[in-house]
Amino acid sequence: REFVAFDPWIGTTAYADSVQGRFTISRDNAKNTVYLQ
């Protein structure tokens, strides 16, 4: 298993080099959901 993307409570998102610029992690607190585009 390998790391892909990270969305911290406080701070900036981070991505593996292999997906940088192609993947985006985000969240919708109203829906209690985290996404990976």
Full PDB file with SEQRES, HELIX, SHEET, SSBOND, CRYST1, ORIGX, SCALE, CONECT and MASTER records, all heavy atoms in Angstrom:
SEQRES   1 A   37  ARG GLU PHE VAL ALA PHE ASP PRO TRP ILE GLY THR THR          
SEQRES   2 A   37  ALA TYR ALA ASP SER VAL GLN GLY ARG PHE THR ILE SER          
SEQRES   3 A   37  ARG ASP ASN ALA LYS ASN THR VAL TYR LEU GLN                  
SHEET    1 AA1 2 ALA A   5  PHE A   6  0                                        
SHEET    2 AA1 2 ALA A  14  TYR A  15 -1                                        
SHEET    1 AA2 2 ILE A  25  ASP A  28  0                                        
SHEET    2 AA2 2 THR A  33  LEU A  36 -1                                        
CRYST1    1.000    1.000    1.000  90.00  90.00  90.00 P 1           1          
ORIGX1      1.000000  0.000000  0.000000        0.00000                         
ORIGX2      0.000000  1.000000  0.000000        0.00000                         
ORIGX3      0.000000  0.000000  1.000000        0.00000                         
SCALE1      1.000000  0.000000  0.000000        0.00000                         
SCALE2      0.000000  1.000000  0.000000        0.00000                         
SCALE3      0.000000  0.000000  1.000000        0.00000                         
ATOM      1  N   ARG A   1       0.835  -1.188   0.000  1.00  0.00           N  
ATOM      2  CA  ARG A   1       0.000   0.000   0.000  1.00  0.00           C  
ATOM      3  C   ARG A   1       0.875   1.245   0.000  1.00  0.00           C  
ATOM      4  O   ARG A   1       1.904   1.286   0.676  1.00  0.00           O  
ATOM      5  CB  ARG A   1      -0.933   0.007   1.213  1.00  0.00           C  
ATOM      6  CG  ARG A   1      -1.992  -1.055   1.157  1.00  0.00           C  
ATOM      7  CD  ARG A   1      -2.991  -0.923   2.276  1.00  0.00           C  
ATOM      8  NE  ARG A   1      -3.936  -2.036   2.258  1.00  0.00           N  
ATOM      9  CZ  ARG A   1      -4.966  -2.164   3.080  1.00  0.00           C  
ATOM     10  NH1 ARG A   1      -5.190  -1.244   3.999  1.00  0.00           N  
ATOM     11  NH2 ARG A   1      -5.772  -3.209   2.984  1.00  0.00           N  
ATOM     12  N   GLU A   2       0.455   2.251  -0.763  1.00  0.00           N  
ATOM     13  CA  GLU A   2       1.231   3.464  -0.857  1.00  0.00           C  
ATOM     14  C   GLU A   2       0.359   4.688  -0.600  1.00  0.00           C  
ATOM     15  O   GLU A   2      -0.844   4.694  -0.881  1.00  0.00           O  
ATOM     16  CB  GLU A   2       1.910   3.589  -2.226  1.00  0.00           C  
ATOM     17  CG  GLU A   2       0.945   3.687  -3.395  1.00  0.00           C  
ATOM     18  CD  GLU A   2       1.654   3.860  -4.725  1.00  0.00           C  
ATOM     19  OE1 GLU A   2       2.888   4.031  -4.740  1.00  0.00           O  
ATOM     20  OE2 GLU A   2       0.965   3.824  -5.769  1.00  0.00           O  
ATOM     21  N   PHE A   3       0.984   5.712  -0.092  1.00  0.00           N  
ATOM     22  CA  PHE A   3       0.323   6.972   0.187  1.00  0.00           C  
ATOM     23  C   PHE A   3      -0.044   7.678  -1.113  1.00  0.00           C  
ATOM     24  O   PHE A   3       0.728   7.667  -2.074  1.00  0.00           O  
ATOM     25  CB  PHE A   3       1.246   7.859   1.028  1.00  0.00           C  
ATOM     26  CG  PHE A   3       0.833   9.290   1.069  1.00  0.00           C  
ATOM     27  CD1 PHE A   3      -0.234   9.702   1.854  1.00  0.00           C  
ATOM     28  CD2 PHE A   3       1.509  10.240   0.323  1.00  0.00           C  
ATOM     29  CE1 PHE A   3      -0.617  11.035   1.897  1.00  0.00           C  
ATOM     30  CE2 PHE A   3       1.140  11.572   0.359  1.00  0.00           C  
ATOM     31  CZ  PHE A   3       0.069  11.962   1.152  1.00  0.00           C  
ATOM     32  N   VAL A   4      -1.220   8.328  -1.133  1.00  0.00           N  
ATOM     33  CA  VAL A   4      -1.680   9.055  -2.305  1.00  0.00           C  
ATOM     34  C   VAL A   4      -1.873  10.541  -2.014  1.00  0.00           C  
ATOM     35  O   VAL A   4      -1.309  11.395  -2.698  1.00  0.00           O  
ATOM     36  CB  VAL A   4      -2.989   8.462  -2.860  1.00  0.00           C  
ATOM     37  CG1 VAL A   4      -3.507   9.299  -4.027  1.00  0.00           C  
ATOM     38  CG2 VAL A   4      -2.780   7.017  -3.293  1.00  0.00           C  
ATOM     39  N   ALA A   5      -2.692  10.858  -1.006  1.00  0.00           N  
ATOM     40  CA  ALA A   5      -3.015  12.256  -0.727  1.00  0.00           C  
ATOM     41  C   ALA A   5      -3.435  12.419   0.725  1.00  0.00           C  
ATOM     42  O   ALA A   5      -4.013  11.508   1.319  1.00  0.00           O  
ATOM     43  CB  ALA A   5      -4.129  12.748  -1.650  1.00  0.00           C  
ATOM     44  N   PHE A   6      -3.192  13.600   1.293  1.00  0.00           N  
ATOM     45  CA  PHE A   6      -3.424  13.880   2.710  1.00  0.00           C  
ATOM     46  C   PHE A   6      -4.129  15.209   2.868  1.00  0.00           C  
ATOM     47  O   PHE A   6      -3.718  16.213   2.265  1.00  0.00           O  
ATOM     48  CB  PHE A   6      -2.083  13.907   3.454  1.00  0.00           C  
ATOM     49  CG  PHE A   6      -2.160  14.242   4.916  1.00  0.00           C  
ATOM     50  CD1 PHE A   6      -2.803  13.403   5.802  1.00  0.00           C  
ATOM     51  CD2 PHE A   6      -1.552  15.383   5.413  1.00  0.00           C  
ATOM     52  CE1 PHE A   6      -2.857  13.697   7.160  1.00  0.00           C  
ATOM     53  CE2 PHE A   6      -1.595  15.694   6.764  1.00  0.00           C  
ATOM     54  CZ  PHE A   6      -2.253  14.841   7.638  1.00  0.00           C  
ATOM     55  N   ASP A   7      -5.186  15.231   3.678  1.00  0.00           N  
ATOM     56  CA  ASP A   7      -5.930  16.451   3.980  1.00  0.00           C  
ATOM     57  C   ASP A   7      -5.978  16.626   5.493  1.00  0.00           C  
ATOM     58  O   ASP A   7      -6.791  15.990   6.166  1.00  0.00           O  
ATOM     59  CB  ASP A   7      -7.343  16.392   3.403  1.00  0.00           C  
ATOM     60  CG  ASP A   7      -8.119  17.677   3.613  1.00  0.00           C  
ATOM     61  OD1 ASP A   7      -7.502  18.754   3.624  1.00  0.00           O  
ATOM     62  OD2 ASP A   7      -9.359  17.613   3.745  1.00  0.00           O  
ATOM     63  N   PRO A   8      -5.132  17.487   6.057  1.00  0.00           N  
ATOM     64  CA  PRO A   8      -5.090  17.642   7.506  1.00  0.00           C  
ATOM     65  C   PRO A   8      -6.215  18.521   8.031  1.00  0.00           C  
ATOM     66  O   PRO A   8      -6.804  19.315   7.285  1.00  0.00           O  
ATOM     67  CB  PRO A   8      -3.734  18.317   7.734  1.00  0.00           C  
ATOM     68  CG  PRO A   8      -3.548  19.154   6.504  1.00  0.00           C  
ATOM     69  CD  PRO A   8      -4.144  18.342   5.381  1.00  0.00           C  
ATOM     70  N   TRP A   9      -6.516  18.393   9.323  1.00  0.00           N  
ATOM     71  CA  TRP A   9      -7.475  19.279   9.972  1.00  0.00           C  
ATOM     72  C   TRP A   9      -6.973  20.719   9.880  1.00  0.00           C  
ATOM     73  O   TRP A   9      -7.715  21.633   9.517  1.00  0.00           O  
ATOM     74  CB  TRP A   9      -7.672  18.837  11.423  1.00  0.00           C  
ATOM     75  CG  TRP A   9      -8.509  19.756  12.248  1.00  0.00           C  
ATOM     76  CD1 TRP A   9      -9.569  20.510  11.835  1.00  0.00           C  
ATOM     77  CD2 TRP A   9      -8.382  19.992  13.647  1.00  0.00           C  
ATOM     78  NE1 TRP A   9     -10.096  21.218  12.880  1.00  0.00           N  
ATOM     79  CE2 TRP A   9      -9.387  20.916  14.008  1.00  0.00           C  
ATOM     80  CE3 TRP A   9      -7.520  19.524  14.625  1.00  0.00           C  
ATOM     81  CZ2 TRP A   9      -9.549  21.372  15.312  1.00  0.00           C  
ATOM     82  CZ3 TRP A   9      -7.685  19.965  15.934  1.00  0.00           C  
ATOM     83  CH2 TRP A   9      -8.686  20.876  16.264  1.00  0.00           C  
ATOM     84  N   ILE A  10      -5.714  20.906  10.242  1.00  0.00           N  
ATOM     85  CA  ILE A  10      -5.074  22.209  10.153  1.00  0.00           C  
ATOM     86  C   ILE A  10      -3.791  22.049   9.354  1.00  0.00           C  
ATOM     87  O   ILE A  10      -2.951  21.214   9.692  1.00  0.00           O  
ATOM     88  CB  ILE A  10      -4.764  22.778  11.545  1.00  0.00           C  
ATOM     89  CG1 ILE A  10      -6.060  22.972  12.343  1.00  0.00           C  
ATOM     90  CG2 ILE A  10      -4.007  24.096  11.427  1.00  0.00           C  
ATOM     91  CD1 ILE A  10      -5.831  23.412  13.773  1.00  0.00           C  
ATOM     92  N   GLY A  11      -3.643  22.850   8.329  1.00  0.00           N  
ATOM     93  CA  GLY A  11      -2.454  22.784   7.514  1.00  0.00           C  
ATOM     94  C   GLY A  11      -2.786  22.640   6.039  1.00  0.00           C  
ATOM     95  O   GLY A  11      -3.928  22.825   5.619  1.00  0.00           O  
ATOM     96  N   THR A  12      -1.780  22.295   5.265  1.00  0.00           N  
ATOM     97  CA  THR A  12      -1.921  22.207   3.818  1.00  0.00           C  
ATOM     98  C   THR A  12      -1.988  20.760   3.367  1.00  0.00           C  
ATOM     99  O   THR A  12      -1.438  19.861   4.005  1.00  0.00           O  
ATOM    100  CB  THR A  12      -0.757  22.933   3.123  1.00  0.00           C  
ATOM    101  OG1 THR A  12      -0.998  22.976   1.715  1.00  0.00           O  
ATOM    102  CG2 THR A  12       0.563  22.219   3.383  1.00  0.00           C  
ATOM    103  N   THR A  13      -2.661  20.541   2.249  1.00  0.00           N  
ATOM    104  CA  THR A  13      -2.747  19.213   1.673  1.00  0.00           C  
ATOM    105  C   THR A  13      -1.399  18.775   1.130  1.00  0.00           C  
ATOM    106  O   THR A  13      -0.517  19.590   0.848  1.00  0.00           O  
ATOM    107  CB  THR A  13      -3.796  19.168   0.554  1.00  0.00           C  
ATOM    108  OG1 THR A  13      -3.479  20.162  -0.432  1.00  0.00           O  
ATOM    109  CG2 THR A  13      -5.181  19.461   1.113  1.00  0.00           C  
ATOM    110  N   ALA A  14      -1.238  17.465   0.976  1.00  0.00           N  
ATOM    111  CA  ALA A  14      -0.002  16.903   0.450  1.00  0.00           C  
ATOM    112  C   ALA A  14      -0.333  15.743  -0.474  1.00  0.00           C  
ATOM    113  O   ALA A  14      -1.336  15.051  -0.289  1.00  0.00           O  
ATOM    114  CB  ALA A  14       0.903  16.433   1.587  1.00  0.00           C  
ATOM    115  N   TYR A  15       0.535  15.526  -1.469  1.00  0.00           N  
ATOM    116  CA  TYR A  15       0.309  14.508  -2.476  1.00  0.00           C  
ATOM    117  C   TYR A  15       1.584  13.734  -2.761  1.00  0.00           C  
ATOM    118  O   TYR A  15       2.689  14.269  -2.665  1.00  0.00           O  
ATOM    119  CB  TYR A  15      -0.179  15.136  -3.788  1.00  0.00           C  
ATOM    120  CG  TYR A  15      -1.471  15.895  -3.649  1.00  0.00           C  
ATOM    121  CD1 TYR A  15      -1.472  17.248  -3.354  1.00  0.00           C  
ATOM    122  CD2 TYR A  15      -2.697  15.251  -3.810  1.00  0.00           C  
ATOM    123  CE1 TYR A  15      -2.663  17.949  -3.214  1.00  0.00           C  
ATOM    124  CE2 TYR A  15      -3.888  15.946  -3.673  1.00  0.00           C  
ATOM    125  CZ  TYR A  15      -3.863  17.294  -3.376  1.00  0.00           C  
ATOM    126  OH  TYR A  15      -5.052  17.985  -3.243  1.00  0.00           O  
ATOM    127  N   ALA A  16       1.404  12.474  -3.135  1.00  0.00           N  
ATOM    128  CA  ALA A  16       2.524  11.705  -3.646  1.00  0.00           C  
ATOM    129  C   ALA A  16       2.989  12.301  -4.969  1.00  0.00           C  
ATOM    130  O   ALA A  16       2.192  12.842  -5.736  1.00  0.00           O  
ATOM    131  CB  ALA A  16       2.118  10.245  -3.841  1.00  0.00           C  
ATOM    132  N   ASP A  17       4.283  12.199  -5.244  1.00  0.00           N  
ATOM    133  CA  ASP A  17       4.820  12.749  -6.481  1.00  0.00           C  
ATOM    134  C   ASP A  17       4.125  12.173  -7.716  1.00  0.00           C  
ATOM    135  O   ASP A  17       3.934  12.870  -8.717  1.00  0.00           O  
ATOM    136  CB  ASP A  17       6.325  12.480  -6.571  1.00  0.00           C  
ATOM    137  CG  ASP A  17       7.129  13.306  -5.584  1.00  0.00           C  
ATOM    138  OD1 ASP A  17       6.606  14.310  -5.068  1.00  0.00           O  
ATOM    139  OD2 ASP A  17       8.293  12.937  -5.325  1.00  0.00           O  
ATOM    140  N   SER A  18       3.723  10.917  -7.647  1.00  0.00           N  
ATOM    141  CA  SER A  18       3.137  10.247  -8.790  1.00  0.00           C  
ATOM    142  C   SER A  18       1.774  10.798  -9.187  1.00  0.00           C  
ATOM    143  O   SER A  18       1.330  10.588 -10.317  1.00  0.00           O  
ATOM    144  CB  SER A  18       3.022   8.744  -8.513  1.00  0.00           C  
ATOM    145  OG  SER A  18       2.223   8.499  -7.375  1.00  0.00           O  
ATOM    146  N   VAL A  19       1.090  11.500  -8.262  1.00  0.00           N  
ATOM    147  CA  VAL A  19      -0.242  12.034  -8.558  1.00  0.00           C  
ATOM    148  C   VAL A  19      -0.284  13.551  -8.492  1.00  0.00           C  
ATOM    149  O   VAL A  19      -1.342  14.145  -8.768  1.00  0.00           O  
ATOM    150  CB  VAL A  19      -1.307  11.441  -7.616  1.00  0.00           C  
ATOM    151  CG1 VAL A  19      -1.268   9.924  -7.648  1.00  0.00           C  
ATOM    152  CG2 VAL A  19      -1.134  11.957  -6.190  1.00  0.00           C  
ATOM    153  N   GLN A  20       0.808  14.187  -8.143  1.00  0.00           N  
ATOM    154  CA  GLN A  20       0.866  15.643  -8.021  1.00  0.00           C  
ATOM    155  C   GLN A  20       0.402  16.305  -9.315  1.00  0.00           C  
ATOM    156  O   GLN A  20       0.868  15.971 -10.400  1.00  0.00           O  
ATOM    157  CB  GLN A  20       2.285  16.085  -7.675  1.00  0.00           C  
ATOM    158  CG  GLN A  20       2.446  17.583  -7.464  1.00  0.00           C  
ATOM    159  CD  GLN A  20       1.846  18.039  -6.151  1.00  0.00           C  
ATOM    160  OE1 GLN A  20       2.047  17.403  -5.116  1.00  0.00           O  
ATOM    161  NE2 GLN A  20       1.100  19.127  -6.177  1.00  0.00           N  
ATOM    162  N   GLY A  21      -0.519  17.250  -9.190  1.00  0.00           N  
ATOM    163  CA  GLY A  21      -1.036  17.965 -10.341  1.00  0.00           C  
ATOM    164  C   GLY A  21      -2.193  17.287 -11.034  1.00  0.00           C  
ATOM    165  O   GLY A  21      -2.833  17.908 -11.893  1.00  0.00           O  
ATOM    166  N   ARG A  22      -2.477  16.038 -10.683  1.00  0.00           N  
ATOM    167  CA  ARG A  22      -3.582  15.313 -11.302  1.00  0.00           C  
ATOM    168  C   ARG A  22      -4.716  15.023 -10.326  1.00  0.00           C  
ATOM    169  O   ARG A  22      -5.881  15.000 -10.714  1.00  0.00           O  
ATOM    170  CB  ARG A  22      -3.094  13.984 -11.901  1.00  0.00           C  
ATOM    171  CG  ARG A  22      -2.055  14.160 -12.999  1.00  0.00           C  
ATOM    172  CD  ARG A  22      -1.748  12.828 -13.685  1.00  0.00           C  
ATOM    173  NE  ARG A  22      -1.161  11.858 -12.762  1.00  0.00           N  
ATOM    174  CZ  ARG A  22      -1.698  10.683 -12.460  1.00  0.00           C  
ATOM    175  NH1 ARG A  22      -2.855  10.313 -13.018  1.00  0.00           N  
ATOM    176  NH2 ARG A  22      -1.081   9.854 -11.619  1.00  0.00           N  
ATOM    177  N   PHE A  23      -4.382  14.777  -9.058  1.00  0.00           N  
ATOM    178  CA  PHE A  23      -5.372  14.438  -8.034  1.00  0.00           C  
ATOM    179  C   PHE A  23      -5.560  15.611  -7.080  1.00  0.00           C  
ATOM    180  O   PHE A  23      -4.607  16.351  -6.787  1.00  0.00           O  
ATOM    181  CB  PHE A  23      -4.925  13.216  -7.225  1.00  0.00           C  
ATOM    182  CG  PHE A  23      -4.914  11.911  -7.976  1.00  0.00           C  
ATOM    183  CD1 PHE A  23      -5.093  11.846  -9.343  1.00  0.00           C  
ATOM    184  CD2 PHE A  23      -4.719  10.727  -7.276  1.00  0.00           C  
ATOM    185  CE1 PHE A  23      -5.076  10.646 -10.023  1.00  0.00           C  
ATOM    186  CE2 PHE A  23      -4.706   9.515  -7.938  1.00  0.00           C  
ATOM    187  CZ  PHE A  23      -4.882   9.470  -9.315  1.00  0.00           C  
ATOM    188  N   THR A  24      -6.783  15.750  -6.560  1.00  0.00           N  
ATOM    189  CA  THR A  24      -7.087  16.783  -5.586  1.00  0.00           C  
ATOM    190  C   THR A  24      -7.925  16.193  -4.457  1.00  0.00           C  
ATOM    191  O   THR A  24      -8.966  15.588  -4.711  1.00  0.00           O  
ATOM    192  CB  THR A  24      -7.857  17.952  -6.213  1.00  0.00           C  
ATOM    193  OG1 THR A  24      -7.100  18.510  -7.297  1.00  0.00           O  
ATOM    194  CG2 THR A  24      -8.117  19.043  -5.177  1.00  0.00           C  
ATOM    195  N   ILE A  25      -7.477  16.377  -3.217  1.00  0.00           N  
ATOM    196  CA  ILE A  25      -8.238  15.933  -2.056  1.00  0.00           C  
ATOM    197  C   ILE A  25      -8.989  17.124  -1.473  1.00  0.00           C  
ATOM    198  O   ILE A  25      -8.462  18.236  -1.419  1.00  0.00           O  
ATOM    199  CB  ILE A  25      -7.325  15.263  -1.003  1.00  0.00           C  
ATOM    200  CG1 ILE A  25      -8.159  14.618   0.112  1.00  0.00           C  
ATOM    201  CG2 ILE A  25      -6.318  16.248  -0.429  1.00  0.00           C  
ATOM    202  CD1 ILE A  25      -7.340  13.742   1.052  1.00  0.00           C  
ATOM    203  N   SER A  26     -10.229  16.902  -1.066  1.00  0.00           N  
ATOM    204  CA  SER A  26     -11.046  17.967  -0.501  1.00  0.00           C  
ATOM    205  C   SER A  26     -12.081  17.356   0.431  1.00  0.00           C  
ATOM    206  O   SER A  26     -12.207  16.132   0.517  1.00  0.00           O  
ATOM    207  CB  SER A  26     -11.736  18.777  -1.610  1.00  0.00           C  
ATOM    208  OG  SER A  26     -12.621  17.954  -2.354  1.00  0.00           O  
ATOM    209  N   ARG A  27     -12.822  18.218   1.133  1.00  0.00           N  
ATOM    210  CA  ARG A  27     -13.862  17.701   2.012  1.00  0.00           C  
ATOM    211  C   ARG A  27     -15.074  18.618   2.045  1.00  0.00           C  
ATOM    212  O   ARG A  27     -14.978  19.826   1.792  1.00  0.00           O  
ATOM    213  CB  ARG A  27     -13.332  17.463   3.426  1.00  0.00           C  
ATOM    214  CG  ARG A  27     -12.985  18.712   4.213  1.00  0.00           C  
ATOM    215  CD  ARG A  27     -12.578  18.343   5.639  1.00  0.00           C  
ATOM    216  NE  ARG A  27     -11.302  17.635   5.675  1.00  0.00           N  
ATOM    217  CZ  ARG A  27     -10.879  16.903   6.707  1.00  0.00           C  
ATOM    218  NH1 ARG A  27     -11.636  16.764   7.784  1.00  0.00           N  
ATOM    219  NH2 ARG A  27      -9.695  16.307   6.661  1.00  0.00           N  
ATOM    220  N   ASP A  28     -16.218  18.025   2.344  1.00  0.00           N  
ATOM    221  CA  ASP A  28     -17.467  18.736   2.516  1.00  0.00           C  
ATOM    222  C   ASP A  28     -17.969  18.400   3.914  1.00  0.00           C  
ATOM    223  O   ASP A  28     -18.488  17.308   4.149  1.00  0.00           O  
ATOM    224  CB  ASP A  28     -18.484  18.316   1.455  1.00  0.00           C  
ATOM    225  CG  ASP A  28     -19.774  19.108   1.510  1.00  0.00           C  
ATOM    226  OD1 ASP A  28     -20.123  19.634   2.584  1.00  0.00           O  
ATOM    227  OD2 ASP A  28     -20.453  19.196   0.472  1.00  0.00           O  
ATOM    228  N   ASN A  29     -17.797  19.323   4.845  1.00  0.00           N  
ATOM    229  CA  ASN A  29     -18.160  19.054   6.229  1.00  0.00           C  
ATOM    230  C   ASN A  29     -19.661  18.853   6.410  1.00  0.00           C  
ATOM    231  O   ASN A  29     -20.082  18.088   7.282  1.00  0.00           O  
ATOM    232  CB  ASN A  29     -17.661  20.182   7.135  1.00  0.00           C  
ATOM    233  CG  ASN A  29     -16.163  20.179   7.307  1.00  0.00           C  
ATOM    234  OD1 ASN A  29     -15.524  19.126   7.298  1.00  0.00           O  
ATOM    235  ND2 ASN A  29     -15.577  21.356   7.475  1.00  0.00           N  
ATOM    236  N   ALA A  30     -20.468  19.535   5.607  1.00  0.00           N  
ATOM    237  CA  ALA A  30     -21.915  19.376   5.701  1.00  0.00           C  
ATOM    238  C   ALA A  30     -22.334  17.951   5.371  1.00  0.00           C  
ATOM    239  O   ALA A  30     -23.304  17.439   5.931  1.00  0.00           O  
ATOM    240  CB  ALA A  30     -22.622  20.364   4.786  1.00  0.00           C  
ATOM    241  N   LYS A  31     -21.622  17.315   4.448  1.00  0.00           N  
ATOM    242  CA  LYS A  31     -21.911  15.937   4.070  1.00  0.00           C  
ATOM    243  C   LYS A  31     -21.053  14.931   4.818  1.00  0.00           C  
ATOM    244  O   LYS A  31     -21.207  13.722   4.620  1.00  0.00           O  
ATOM    245  CB  LYS A  31     -21.728  15.753   2.565  1.00  0.00           C  
ATOM    246  CG  LYS A  31     -22.693  16.570   1.721  1.00  0.00           C  
ATOM    247  CD  LYS A  31     -22.480  16.305   0.236  1.00  0.00           C  
ATOM    248  CE  LYS A  31     -23.463  17.092  -0.604  1.00  0.00           C  
ATOM    249  NZ  LYS A  31     -23.268  16.841  -2.059  1.00  0.00           N  
ATOM    250  N   ASN A  32     -20.134  15.421   5.649  1.00  0.00           N  
ATOM    251  CA  ASN A  32     -19.250  14.562   6.426  1.00  0.00           C  
ATOM    252  C   ASN A  32     -18.494  13.596   5.510  1.00  0.00           C  
ATOM    253  O   ASN A  32     -18.390  12.395   5.780  1.00  0.00           O  
ATOM    254  CB  ASN A  32     -20.037  13.788   7.488  1.00  0.00           C  
ATOM    255  CG  ASN A  32     -19.177  13.334   8.647  1.00  0.00           C  
ATOM    256  OD1 ASN A  32     -18.233  14.019   9.044  1.00  0.00           O  
ATOM    257  ND2 ASN A  32     -19.494  12.173   9.209  1.00  0.00           N  
ATOM    258  N   THR A  33     -17.952  14.149   4.421  1.00  0.00           N  
ATOM    259  CA  THR A  33     -17.342  13.343   3.378  1.00  0.00           C  
ATOM    260  C   THR A  33     -16.044  13.984   2.895  1.00  0.00           C  
ATOM    261  O   THR A  33     -15.963  15.201   2.748  1.00  0.00           O  
ATOM    262  CB  THR A  33     -18.299  13.172   2.189  1.00  0.00           C  
ATOM    263  OG1 THR A  33     -19.507  12.545   2.636  1.00  0.00           O  
ATOM    264  CG2 THR A  33     -17.679  12.317   1.103  1.00  0.00           C  
ATOM    265  N   VAL A  34     -15.041  13.152   2.639  1.00  0.00           N  
ATOM    266  CA  VAL A  34     -13.788  13.568   2.011  1.00  0.00           C  
ATOM    267  C   VAL A  34     -13.753  12.995   0.603  1.00  0.00           C  
ATOM    268  O   VAL A  34     -14.159  11.851   0.378  1.00  0.00           O  
ATOM    269  CB  VAL A  34     -12.576  13.092   2.829  1.00  0.00           C  
ATOM    270  CG1 VAL A  34     -11.273  13.398   2.094  1.00  0.00           C  
ATOM    271  CG2 VAL A  34     -12.574  13.762   4.194  1.00  0.00           C  
ATOM    272  N   TYR A  35     -13.260  13.777  -0.347  1.00  0.00           N  
ATOM    273  CA  TYR A  35     -13.249  13.376  -1.744  1.00  0.00           C  
ATOM    274  C   TYR A  35     -11.823  13.283  -2.281  1.00  0.00           C  
ATOM    275  O   TYR A  35     -10.901  13.925  -1.784  1.00  0.00           O  
ATOM    276  CB  TYR A  35     -14.012  14.382  -2.607  1.00  0.00           C  
ATOM    277  CG  TYR A  35     -15.454  14.561  -2.208  1.00  0.00           C  
ATOM    278  CD1 TYR A  35     -15.859  15.647  -1.441  1.00  0.00           C  
ATOM    279  CD2 TYR A  35     -16.420  13.639  -2.599  1.00  0.00           C  
ATOM    280  CE1 TYR A  35     -17.181  15.809  -1.076  1.00  0.00           C  
ATOM    281  CE2 TYR A  35     -17.743  13.792  -2.240  1.00  0.00           C  
ATOM    282  CZ  TYR A  35     -18.126  14.879  -1.479  1.00  0.00           C  
ATOM    283  OH  TYR A  35     -19.443  15.035  -1.122  1.00  0.00           O  
ATOM    284  N   LEU A  36     -11.662  12.480  -3.315  1.00  0.00           N  
ATOM    285  CA  LEU A  36     -10.438  12.453  -4.093  1.00  0.00           C  
ATOM    286  C   LEU A  36     -10.819  12.595  -5.557  1.00  0.00           C  
ATOM    287  O   LEU A  36     -11.347  11.651  -6.155  1.00  0.00           O  
ATOM    288  CB  LEU A  36      -9.647  11.165  -3.874  1.00  0.00           C  
ATOM    289  CG  LEU A  36      -8.297  11.099  -4.591  1.00  0.00           C  
ATOM    290  CD1 LEU A  36      -7.322  12.110  -3.990  1.00  0.00           C  
ATOM    291  CD2 LEU A  36      -7.710   9.689  -4.526  1.00  0.00           C  
ATOM    292  N   GLN A  37     -10.588  13.772  -6.119  1.00  0.00           N  
ATOM    293  CA  GLN A  37     -10.837  14.016  -7.530  1.00  0.00           C  
ATOM    294  C   GLN A  37      -9.610  13.587  -8.314  1.00  0.00           C  
ATOM    295  O   GLN A  37      -8.514  14.098  -8.082  1.00  0.00           O  
ATOM    296  CB  GLN A  37     -11.138  15.489  -7.784  1.00  0.00           C  
ATOM    297  CG  GLN A  37     -11.371  15.834  -9.249  1.00  0.00           C  
ATOM    298  CD  GLN A  37     -12.632  15.219  -9.795  1.00  0.00           C  
ATOM    299  OE1 GLN A  37     -13.686  15.278  -9.162  1.00  0.00           O  
ATOM    300  NE2 GLN A  37     -12.544  14.607 -10.973  1.00  0.00           N  
TER     301      GLN A  37                                                      
MASTER        0    0    0    0    4    0    0    6  300    1    0    3          
END                                                                             
